Structure formats: structure tokens, C-alpha cells
């Protein structure tokens, strides 16, 4: 198998190991299962808030979505600025 195939298999195995779901008490949990386990109570609180106070739920929802979009935009701008600076230095 060539280097690309070995790299693909390595990444595939890592991703699969992060998605392990414990079936029995002694089974290991993957990274994504542990993250979901800690995020699940917050999601339940959000669903309860949606049922009891929909306007507050919508304010929080749109605020969080806006913050996530702004954070992603900041990352893109930072990376593109760094790449432009690097390219100008090379030229």
C-alpha cells in the first residue's frame, strides 16, 4: 500500500476510535462519546428552556450562533492575513 493509503487508514482508525460507544460497563468510551456526555445536560436544559420561555431561548440561540460565526470568521481572517504576509515575504 502506498503512503496515501497508509495515511488514510491511520486517520480512519483514529476517527473510529474517537467514536467508540461503550456497550458494557467495562468498555472504553471514545472522545466524541465523552464530549456528548458532558454536553448532553446543557442540551436538555436548552430544550426545557425552549418549552418554558421561547423568547429567551431564541435570544440565547441567536447570540450563540452569532458568536460562533464571528469566531470562525476571526479564524479565517487570521489565517488568510498570515498567509498573505507569508506570500509577500516570499515574493
PDB file of N, CA and C in Angstrom:
ATOM      1  N   UNK A   1       0.843  -1.168   0.000  1.00  0.00           N
ATOM      2  CA  UNK A   1       0.000   0.000   0.000  1.00  0.00           C
ATOM      3  C   UNK A   1       0.895   1.240   0.000  1.00  0.00           C
ATOM      4  N   UNK A   2       0.517   2.244  -0.774  1.00  0.00           N
ATOM      5  CA  UNK A   2       1.346   3.439  -0.863  1.00  0.00           C
ATOM      6  C   UNK A   2       1.145   4.339   0.356  1.00  0.00           C
ATOM      7  N   UNK A   3       1.869   5.433   0.398  1.00  0.00           N
ATOM      8  CA  UNK A   3       1.862   6.325   1.554  1.00  0.00           C
ATOM      9  C   UNK A   3       0.489   6.970   1.761  1.00  0.00           C
ATOM     10  N   UNK A   4      -0.221   7.296   0.692  1.00  0.00           N
ATOM     11  CA  UNK A   4      -1.548   7.892   0.833  1.00  0.00           C
ATOM     12  C   UNK A   4      -2.535   6.897   1.443  1.00  0.00           C
ATOM     13  N   UNK A   5      -2.464   5.651   1.030  1.00  0.00           N
ATOM     14  CA  UNK A   5      -3.342   4.625   1.594  1.00  0.00           C
ATOM     15  C   UNK A   5      -3.078   4.397   3.063  1.00  0.00           C
ATOM     16  N   UNK A   6      -1.799   4.358   3.434  1.00  0.00           N
ATOM     17  CA  UNK A   6      -1.454   4.182   4.851  1.00  0.00           C
ATOM     18  C   UNK A   6      -1.911   5.377   5.677  1.00  0.00           C
ATOM     19  N   UNK A   7      -1.755   6.586   5.123  1.00  0.00           N
ATOM     20  CA  UNK A   7      -2.213   7.788   5.824  1.00  0.00           C
ATOM     21  C   UNK A   7      -3.720   7.796   6.001  1.00  0.00           C
ATOM     22  N   UNK A   8      -4.433   7.408   4.943  1.00  0.00           N
ATOM     23  CA  UNK A   8      -5.891   7.344   5.023  1.00  0.00           C
ATOM     24  C   UNK A   8      -6.335   6.328   6.073  1.00  0.00           C
ATOM     25  N   UNK A   9      -5.719   5.144   6.071  1.00  0.00           N
ATOM     26  CA  UNK A   9      -6.077   4.119   7.054  1.00  0.00           C
ATOM     27  C   UNK A   9      -5.783   4.574   8.473  1.00  0.00           C
ATOM     28  N   UNK A  10      -4.663   5.270   8.674  1.00  0.00           N
ATOM     29  CA  UNK A  10      -4.319   5.774  10.002  1.00  0.00           C
ATOM     30  C   UNK A  10      -5.382   6.754  10.498  1.00  0.00           C
ATOM     31  N   UNK A  11      -5.741   7.724   9.647  1.00  0.00           N
ATOM     32  CA  UNK A  11      -6.760   8.703  10.038  1.00  0.00           C
ATOM     33  C   UNK A  11      -8.114   8.034  10.277  1.00  0.00           C
ATOM     34  N   UNK A  12      -8.467   7.085   9.440  1.00  0.00           N
ATOM     35  CA  UNK A  12      -9.738   6.383   9.583  1.00  0.00           C
ATOM     36  C   UNK A  12      -9.801   5.646  10.922  1.00  0.00           C
ATOM     37  N   UNK A  13      -8.711   4.967  11.296  1.00  0.00           N
ATOM     38  CA  UNK A  13      -8.682   4.248  12.570  1.00  0.00           C
ATOM     39  C   UNK A  13      -8.776   5.209  13.746  1.00  0.00           C
ATOM     40  N   UNK A  14      -8.117   6.362  13.655  1.00  0.00           N
ATOM     41  CA  UNK A  14      -8.168   7.357  14.734  1.00  0.00           C
ATOM     42  C   UNK A  14      -9.583   7.904  14.894  1.00  0.00           C
ATOM     43  N   UNK A  15     -10.223   8.207  13.778  1.00  0.00           N
ATOM     44  CA  UNK A  15     -11.589   8.733  13.848  1.00  0.00           C
ATOM     45  C   UNK A  15     -12.536   7.689  14.419  1.00  0.00           C
ATOM     46  N   UNK A  16     -12.384   6.439  14.004  1.00  0.00           N
ATOM     47  CA  UNK A  16     -13.241   5.378  14.536  1.00  0.00           C
ATOM     48  C   UNK A  16     -13.018   5.178  16.034  1.00  0.00           C
ATOM     49  N   UNK A  17     -11.771   5.275  16.476  1.00  0.00           N
ATOM     50  CA  UNK A  17     -11.509   5.097  17.904  1.00  0.00           C
ATOM     51  C   UNK A  17     -12.104   6.240  18.722  1.00  0.00           C
ATOM     52  N   UNK A  18     -12.228   7.433  18.129  1.00  0.00           N
ATOM     53  CA  UNK A  18     -12.841   8.553  18.843  1.00  0.00           C
ATOM     54  C   UNK A  18     -14.356   8.399  18.933  1.00  0.00           C
ATOM     55  N   UNK A  19     -14.939   7.580  18.064  1.00  0.00           N
ATOM     56  CA  UNK A  19     -16.385   7.423  18.043  1.00  0.00           C
ATOM     57  C   UNK A  19     -16.862   6.186  18.797  1.00  0.00           C
ATOM     58  N   UNK A  20     -16.007   5.539  19.566  1.00  0.00           N
ATOM     59  CA  UNK A  20     -16.409   4.343  20.302  1.00  0.00           C
ATOM     60  C   UNK A  20     -17.536   4.656  21.281  1.00  0.00           C
ATOM     61  N   UNK A  21     -18.523   3.788  21.309  1.00  0.00           N
ATOM     62  CA  UNK A  21     -19.639   3.919  22.240  1.00  0.00           C
ATOM     63  C   UNK A  21     -19.597   2.705  23.154  1.00  0.00           C
ATOM     64  N   UNK A  22     -19.549   2.931  24.485  1.00  0.00           N
ATOM     65  CA  UNK A  22     -19.484   1.783  25.394  1.00  0.00           C
ATOM     66  C   UNK A  22     -20.805   1.007  25.412  1.00  0.00           C
ATOM     67  N   UNK A  23     -20.722  -0.309  25.246  1.00  0.00           N
ATOM     68  CA  UNK A  23     -21.904  -1.163  25.300  1.00  0.00           C
ATOM     69  C   UNK A  23     -22.056  -1.824  26.662  1.00  0.00           C
ATOM     70  N   UNK A  24     -20.934  -2.142  27.295  1.00  0.00           N
ATOM     71  CA  UNK A  24     -20.945  -2.770  28.605  1.00  0.00           C
ATOM     72  C   UNK A  24     -20.252  -1.859  29.606  1.00  0.00           C
ATOM     73  N   UNK A  25     -20.357  -2.190  30.886  1.00  0.00           N
ATOM     74  CA  UNK A  25     -19.801  -1.337  31.938  1.00  0.00           C
ATOM     75  C   UNK A  25     -18.291  -1.167  31.804  1.00  0.00           C
ATOM     76  N   UNK A  26     -17.558  -2.163  31.365  1.00  0.00           N
ATOM     77  CA  UNK A  26     -16.109  -2.081  31.282  1.00  0.00           C
ATOM     78  C   UNK A  26     -15.568  -1.553  29.968  1.00  0.00           C
ATOM     79  N   UNK A  27     -16.430  -1.272  28.998  1.00  0.00           N
ATOM     80  CA  UNK A  27     -15.986  -0.805  27.687  1.00  0.00           C
ATOM     81  C   UNK A  27     -15.473   0.623  27.755  1.00  0.00           C
ATOM     82  N   UNK A  28     -14.503   0.926  26.903  1.00  0.00           N
ATOM     83  CA  UNK A  28     -13.987   2.283  26.811  1.00  0.00           C
ATOM     84  C   UNK A  28     -14.943   3.145  25.991  1.00  0.00           C
ATOM     85  N   UNK A  29     -14.969   4.435  26.339  1.00  0.00           N
ATOM     86  CA  UNK A  29     -15.759   5.393  25.573  1.00  0.00           C
ATOM     87  C   UNK A  29     -14.811   6.227  24.734  1.00  0.00           C
ATOM     88  N   UNK A  30     -15.220   6.538  23.518  1.00  0.00           N
ATOM     89  CA  UNK A  30     -14.403   7.371  22.649  1.00  0.00           C
ATOM     90  C   UNK A  30     -14.504   8.838  23.040  1.00  0.00           C
ATOM     91  N   UNK A  31     -13.673   9.656  22.417  1.00  0.00           N
ATOM     92  CA  UNK A  31     -13.631  11.088  22.716  1.00  0.00           C
ATOM     93  C   UNK A  31     -14.980  11.746  22.444  1.00  0.00           C
ATOM     94  N   UNK A  32     -15.600  11.435  21.307  1.00  0.00           N
ATOM     95  CA  UNK A  32     -16.870  12.058  20.969  1.00  0.00           C
ATOM     96  C   UNK A  32     -17.972  11.653  21.948  1.00  0.00           C
ATOM     97  N   UNK A  33     -17.952  10.424  22.434  1.00  0.00           N
ATOM     98  CA  UNK A  33     -18.941   9.981  23.414  1.00  0.00           C
ATOM     99  C   UNK A  33     -18.766  10.732  24.731  1.00  0.00           C
ATOM    100  N   UNK A  34     -17.523  10.946  25.136  1.00  0.00           N
ATOM    101  CA  UNK A  34     -17.269  11.693  26.373  1.00  0.00           C
ATOM    102  C   UNK A  34     -17.672  13.147  26.234  1.00  0.00           C
ATOM    103  N   UNK A  35     -17.423  13.732  25.064  1.00  0.00           N
ATOM    104  CA  UNK A  35     -17.838  15.123  24.848  1.00  0.00           C
ATOM    105  C   UNK A  35     -19.360  15.214  24.877  1.00  0.00           C
ATOM    106  N   UNK A  36     -20.040  14.306  24.195  1.00  0.00           N
ATOM    107  CA  UNK A  36     -21.502  14.326  24.184  1.00  0.00           C
ATOM    108  C   UNK A  36     -22.061  14.111  25.586  1.00  0.00           C
ATOM    109  N   UNK A  37     -21.412  13.275  26.369  1.00  0.00           N
ATOM    110  CA  UNK A  37     -21.858  13.019  27.731  1.00  0.00           C
ATOM    111  C   UNK A  37     -21.814  14.297  28.569  1.00  0.00           C
ATOM    112  N   UNK A  38     -20.827  15.145  28.348  1.00  0.00           N
ATOM    113  CA  UNK A  38     -20.744  16.387  29.118  1.00  0.00           C
ATOM    114  C   UNK A  38     -21.643  17.480  28.540  1.00  0.00           C
ATOM    115  N   UNK A  39     -21.931  17.436  27.241  1.00  0.00           N
ATOM    116  CA  UNK A  39     -22.762  18.455  26.604  1.00  0.00           C
ATOM    117  C   UNK A  39     -24.252  18.126  26.726  1.00  0.00           C
ATOM    118  N   UNK A  40     -24.585  16.877  26.910  1.00  0.00           N
ATOM    119  CA  UNK A  40     -25.977  16.429  26.946  1.00  0.00           C
ATOM    120  C   UNK A  40     -26.834  17.150  27.994  1.00  0.00           C
ATOM    121  N   UNK A  41     -26.351  17.371  29.232  1.00  0.00           N
ATOM    122  CA  UNK A  41     -27.185  18.113  30.186  1.00  0.00           C
ATOM    123  C   UNK A  41     -27.483  19.549  29.736  1.00  0.00           C
ATOM    124  N   UNK A  42     -26.539  20.190  29.070  1.00  0.00           N
ATOM    125  CA  UNK A  42     -26.760  21.546  28.571  1.00  0.00           C
ATOM    126  C   UNK A  42     -27.834  21.530  27.487  1.00  0.00           C
ATOM    127  N   UNK A  43     -27.790  20.522  26.623  1.00  0.00           N
ATOM    128  CA  UNK A  43     -28.816  20.399  25.584  1.00  0.00           C
ATOM    129  C   UNK A  43     -30.195  20.166  26.193  1.00  0.00           C
ATOM    130  N   UNK A  44     -30.250  19.375  27.252  1.00  0.00           N
ATOM    131  CA  UNK A  44     -31.524  19.129  27.928  1.00  0.00           C
ATOM    132  C   UNK A  44     -32.072  20.416  28.555  1.00  0.00           C
ATOM    133  N   UNK A  45     -31.183  21.216  29.132  1.00  0.00           N
ATOM    134  CA  UNK A  45     -31.619  22.498  29.696  1.00  0.00           C
ATOM    135  C   UNK A  45     -32.134  23.420  28.599  1.00  0.00           C
ATOM    136  N   UNK A  46     -31.474  23.391  27.435  1.00  0.00           N
ATOM    137  CA  UNK A  46     -31.938  24.202  26.310  1.00  0.00           C
ATOM    138  C   UNK A  46     -33.319  23.787  25.834  1.00  0.00           C
ATOM    139  N   UNK A  47     -33.567  22.492  25.784  1.00  0.00           N
ATOM    140  CA  UNK A  47     -34.891  22.012  25.376  1.00  0.00           C
ATOM    141  C   UNK A  47     -35.953  22.406  26.398  1.00  0.00           C
ATOM    142  N   UNK A  48     -35.607  22.342  27.686  1.00  0.00           N
ATOM    143  CA  UNK A  48     -36.561  22.742  28.728  1.00  0.00           C
ATOM    144  C   UNK A  48     -36.844  24.241  28.638  1.00  0.00           C
ATOM    145  N   UNK A  49     -35.796  25.047  28.396  1.00  0.00           N
ATOM    146  CA  UNK A  49     -35.985  26.489  28.251  1.00  0.00           C
ATOM    147  C   UNK A  49     -36.845  26.798  27.037  1.00  0.00           C
ATOM    148  N   UNK A  50     -36.683  26.057  25.969  1.00  0.00           N
ATOM    149  CA  UNK A  50     -37.478  26.268  24.749  1.00  0.00           C
ATOM    150  C   UNK A  50     -38.965  26.053  25.031  1.00  0.00           C
ATOM    151  N   UNK A  51     -39.267  25.082  25.894  1.00  0.00           N
ATOM    152  CA  UNK A  51     -40.673  24.807  26.225  1.00  0.00           C
ATOM    153  C   UNK A  51     -41.251  25.852  27.166  1.00  0.00           C
ATOM    154  N   UNK A  52     -40.425  26.384  28.085  1.00  0.00           N
ATOM    155  CA  UNK A  52     -40.951  27.291  29.108  1.00  0.00           C
ATOM    156  C   UNK A  52     -40.855  28.755  28.717  1.00  0.00           C
ATOM    157  N   UNK A  53     -39.775  29.165  28.069  1.00  0.00           N
ATOM    158  CA  UNK A  53     -39.566  30.580  27.753  1.00  0.00           C
ATOM    159  C   UNK A  53     -38.941  30.683  26.358  1.00  0.00           C
ATOM    160  N   UNK A  54     -39.775  30.598  25.347  1.00  0.00           N
ATOM    161  CA  UNK A  54     -39.296  30.538  23.970  1.00  0.00           C
ATOM    162  C   UNK A  54     -38.539  31.798  23.549  1.00  0.00           C
ATOM    163  N   UNK A  55     -38.979  32.972  23.994  1.00  0.00           N
ATOM    164  CA  UNK A  55     -38.293  34.198  23.578  1.00  0.00           C
ATOM    165  C   UNK A  55     -36.872  34.249  24.140  1.00  0.00           C
ATOM    166  N   UNK A  56     -36.664  33.845  25.380  1.00  0.00           N
ATOM    167  CA  UNK A  56     -35.315  33.813  25.950  1.00  0.00           C
ATOM    168  C   UNK A  56     -34.467  32.754  25.243  1.00  0.00           C
ATOM    169  N   UNK A  57     -35.069  31.632  24.916  1.00  0.00           N
ATOM    170  CA  UNK A  57     -34.378  30.581  24.187  1.00  0.00           C
ATOM    171  C   UNK A  57     -33.868  31.106  22.847  1.00  0.00           C
ATOM    172  N   UNK A  58     -34.720  31.826  22.120  1.00  0.00           N
ATOM    173  CA  UNK A  58     -34.327  32.353  20.820  1.00  0.00           C
ATOM    174  C   UNK A  58     -33.218  33.396  20.947  1.00  0.00           C
ATOM    175  N   UNK A  59     -33.274  34.234  21.970  1.00  0.00           N
ATOM    176  CA  UNK A  59     -32.217  35.230  22.184  1.00  0.00           C
ATOM    177  C   UNK A  59     -30.881  34.530  22.436  1.00  0.00           C
ATOM    178  N   UNK A  60     -30.894  33.529  23.302  1.00  0.00           N
ATOM    179  CA  UNK A  60     -29.662  32.790  23.607  1.00  0.00           C
ATOM    180  C   UNK A  60     -29.174  32.038  22.373  1.00  0.00           C
ATOM    181  N   UNK A  61     -30.095  31.409  21.655  1.00  0.00           N
ATOM    182  CA  UNK A  61     -29.734  30.643  20.460  1.00  0.00           C
ATOM    183  C   UNK A  61     -29.061  31.531  19.423  1.00  0.00           C
ATOM    184  N   UNK A  62     -29.669  32.672  19.106  1.00  0.00           N
ATOM    185  CA  UNK A  62     -29.096  33.547  18.083  1.00  0.00           C
ATOM    186  C   UNK A  62     -27.811  34.202  18.567  1.00  0.00           C
ATOM    187  N   UNK A  63     -27.703  34.472  19.844  1.00  0.00           N
ATOM    188  CA  UNK A  63     -26.453  35.031  20.379  1.00  0.00           C
ATOM    189  C   UNK A  63     -25.315  34.032  20.242  1.00  0.00           C
ATOM    190  N   UNK A  64     -25.561  32.781  20.613  1.00  0.00           N
ATOM    191  CA  UNK A  64     -24.528  31.751  20.493  1.00  0.00           C
ATOM    192  C   UNK A  64     -24.151  31.498  19.036  1.00  0.00           C
ATOM    193  N   UNK A  65     -25.149  31.435  18.159  1.00  0.00           N
ATOM    194  CA  UNK A  65     -24.867  31.229  16.736  1.00  0.00           C
ATOM    195  C   UNK A  65     -24.039  32.381  16.168  1.00  0.00           C
ATOM    196  N   UNK A  66     -24.371  33.612  16.555  1.00  0.00           N
ATOM    197  CA  UNK A  66     -23.613  34.772  16.089  1.00  0.00           C
ATOM    198  C   UNK A  66     -22.183  34.726  16.595  1.00  0.00           C
ATOM    199  N   UNK A  67     -21.996  34.360  17.869  1.00  0.00           N
ATOM    200  CA  UNK A  67     -20.647  34.258  18.418  1.00  0.00           C
ATOM    201  C   UNK A  67     -19.819  33.188  17.700  1.00  0.00           C
ATOM    202  N   UNK A  68     -20.442  32.073  17.388  1.00  0.00           N
ATOM    203  CA  UNK A  68     -19.728  31.002  16.675  1.00  0.00           C
ATOM    204  C   UNK A  68     -19.321  31.477  15.280  1.00  0.00           C
ATOM    205  N   UNK A  69     -20.233  32.141  14.578  1.00  0.00           N
ATOM    206  CA  UNK A  69     -19.914  32.639  13.235  1.00  0.00           C
ATOM    207  C   UNK A  69     -18.802  33.679  13.303  1.00  0.00           C
ATOM    208  N   UNK A  70     -18.852  34.585  14.286  1.00  0.00           N
ATOM    209  CA  UNK A  70     -17.805  35.596  14.424  1.00  0.00           C
ATOM    210  C   UNK A  70     -16.458  34.963  14.763  1.00  0.00           C
ATOM    211  N   UNK A  71     -16.467  33.935  15.606  1.00  0.00           N
ATOM    212  CA  UNK A  71     -15.215  33.250  15.946  1.00  0.00           C
ATOM    213  C   UNK A  71     -14.627  32.567  14.719  1.00  0.00           C
ATOM    214  N   UNK A  72     -15.459  31.891  13.927  1.00  0.00           N
ATOM    215  CA  UNK A  72     -14.974  31.253  12.701  1.00  0.00           C
ATOM    216  C   UNK A  72     -14.459  32.282  11.704  1.00  0.00           C
ATOM    217  N   UNK A  73     -15.148  33.404  11.606  1.00  0.00           N
ATOM    218  CA  UNK A  73     -14.704  34.470  10.719  1.00  0.00           C
ATOM    219  C   UNK A  73     -13.360  35.027  11.180  1.00  0.00           C
ATOM    220  N   UNK A  74     -13.176  35.184  12.491  1.00  0.00           N
ATOM    221  CA  UNK A  74     -11.903  35.664  13.025  1.00  0.00           C
ATOM    222  C   UNK A  74     -10.774  34.696  12.697  1.00  0.00           C
ATOM    223  N   UNK A  75     -11.058  33.401  12.788  1.00  0.00           N
ATOM    224  CA  UNK A  75     -10.039  32.397  12.451  1.00  0.00           C
ATOM    225  C   UNK A  75      -9.676  32.482  10.975  1.00  0.00           C
ATOM    226  N   UNK A  76     -10.676  32.602  10.113  1.00  0.00           N
ATOM    227  CA  UNK A  76     -10.421  32.684   8.673  1.00  0.00           C
ATOM    228  C   UNK A  76      -9.616  33.942   8.345  1.00  0.00           C
ATOM    229  N   UNK A  77      -9.982  35.073   8.946  1.00  0.00           N
ATOM    230  CA  UNK A  77      -9.268  36.316   8.680  1.00  0.00           C
ATOM    231  C   UNK A  77      -7.832  36.216   9.176  1.00  0.00           C
ATOM    232  N   UNK A  78      -7.632  35.635  10.356  1.00  0.00           N
ATOM    233  CA  UNK A  78      -6.285  35.494  10.903  1.00  0.00           C
ATOM    234  C   UNK A  78      -5.419  34.606  10.013  1.00  0.00           C
ATOM    235  N   UNK A  79      -5.966  33.493   9.590  1.00  0.00           N
ATOM    236  CA  UNK A  79      -5.207  32.578   8.727  1.00  0.00           C
ATOM    237  C   UNK A  79      -4.903  33.233   7.384  1.00  0.00           C
ATOM    238  N   UNK A  80      -5.895  33.873   6.785  1.00  0.00           N
ATOM    239  CA  UNK A  80      -5.665  34.499   5.475  1.00  0.00           C
ATOM    240  C   UNK A  80      -4.673  35.650   5.579  1.00  0.00           C
ATOM    241  N   UNK A  81      -4.724  36.421   6.667  1.00  0.00           N
ATOM    242  CA  UNK A  81      -3.759  37.502   6.861  1.00  0.00           C
ATOM    243  C   UNK A  81      -2.353  36.941   7.013  1.00  0.00           C
ATOM    244  N   UNK A  82      -2.214  35.853   7.762  1.00  0.00           N
ATOM    245  CA  UNK A  82      -0.910  35.219   7.923  1.00  0.00           C
ATOM    246  C   UNK A  82      -0.378  34.672   6.620  1.00  0.00           C
ATOM    247  N   UNK A  83      -1.256  34.066   5.833  1.00  0.00           N
ATOM    248  CA  UNK A  83      -0.824  33.537   4.533  1.00  0.00           C
ATOM    249  C   UNK A  83      -0.414  34.648   3.579  1.00  0.00           C
ATOM    250  N   UNK A  84      -1.165  35.748   3.582  1.00  0.00           N
ATOM    251  CA  UNK A  84      -0.805  36.878   2.727  1.00  0.00           C
ATOM    252  C   UNK A  84       0.542  37.466   3.136  1.00  0.00           C
ATOM    253  N   UNK A  85       0.760  37.584   4.431  1.00  0.00           N
ATOM    254  CA  UNK A  85       2.042  38.097   4.921  1.00  0.00           C
ATOM    255  C   UNK A  85       3.177  37.173   4.509  1.00  0.00           C
ATOM    256  N   UNK A  86       2.928  35.866   4.622  1.00  0.00           N
ATOM    257  CA  UNK A  86       3.953  34.885   4.236  1.00  0.00           C
ATOM    258  C   UNK A  86       4.238  34.971   2.738  1.00  0.00           C
ATOM    259  N   UNK A  87       3.199  35.090   1.928  1.00  0.00           N
ATOM    260  CA  UNK A  87       3.394  35.185   0.481  1.00  0.00           C
ATOM    261  C   UNK A  87       4.120  36.465   0.084  1.00  0.00           C
ATOM    262  N   UNK A  88       3.799  37.573   0.745  1.00  0.00           N
ATOM    263  CA  UNK A  88       4.504  38.825   0.449  1.00  0.00           C
ATOM    264  C   UNK A  88       5.973  38.729   0.801  1.00  0.00           C
ATOM    265  N   UNK A  89       6.271  38.008   1.867  1.00  0.00           N
ATOM    266  CA  UNK A  89       7.673  37.829   2.260  1.00  0.00           C
ATOM    267  C   UNK A  89       8.433  36.975   1.269  1.00  0.00           C
ATOM    268  N   UNK A  90       7.747  36.031   0.629  1.00  0.00           N
ATOM    269  CA  UNK A  90       8.401  35.163  -0.343  1.00  0.00           C
ATOM    270  C   UNK A  90       8.617  35.860  -1.680  1.00  0.00           C
ATOM    271  N   UNK A  91       7.748  36.789  -2.015  1.00  0.00           N
ATOM    272  CA  UNK A  91       7.833  37.461  -3.328  1.00  0.00           C
ATOM    273  C   UNK A  91       8.735  38.626  -3.284  1.00  0.00           C
TER     274      UNK A  91
END
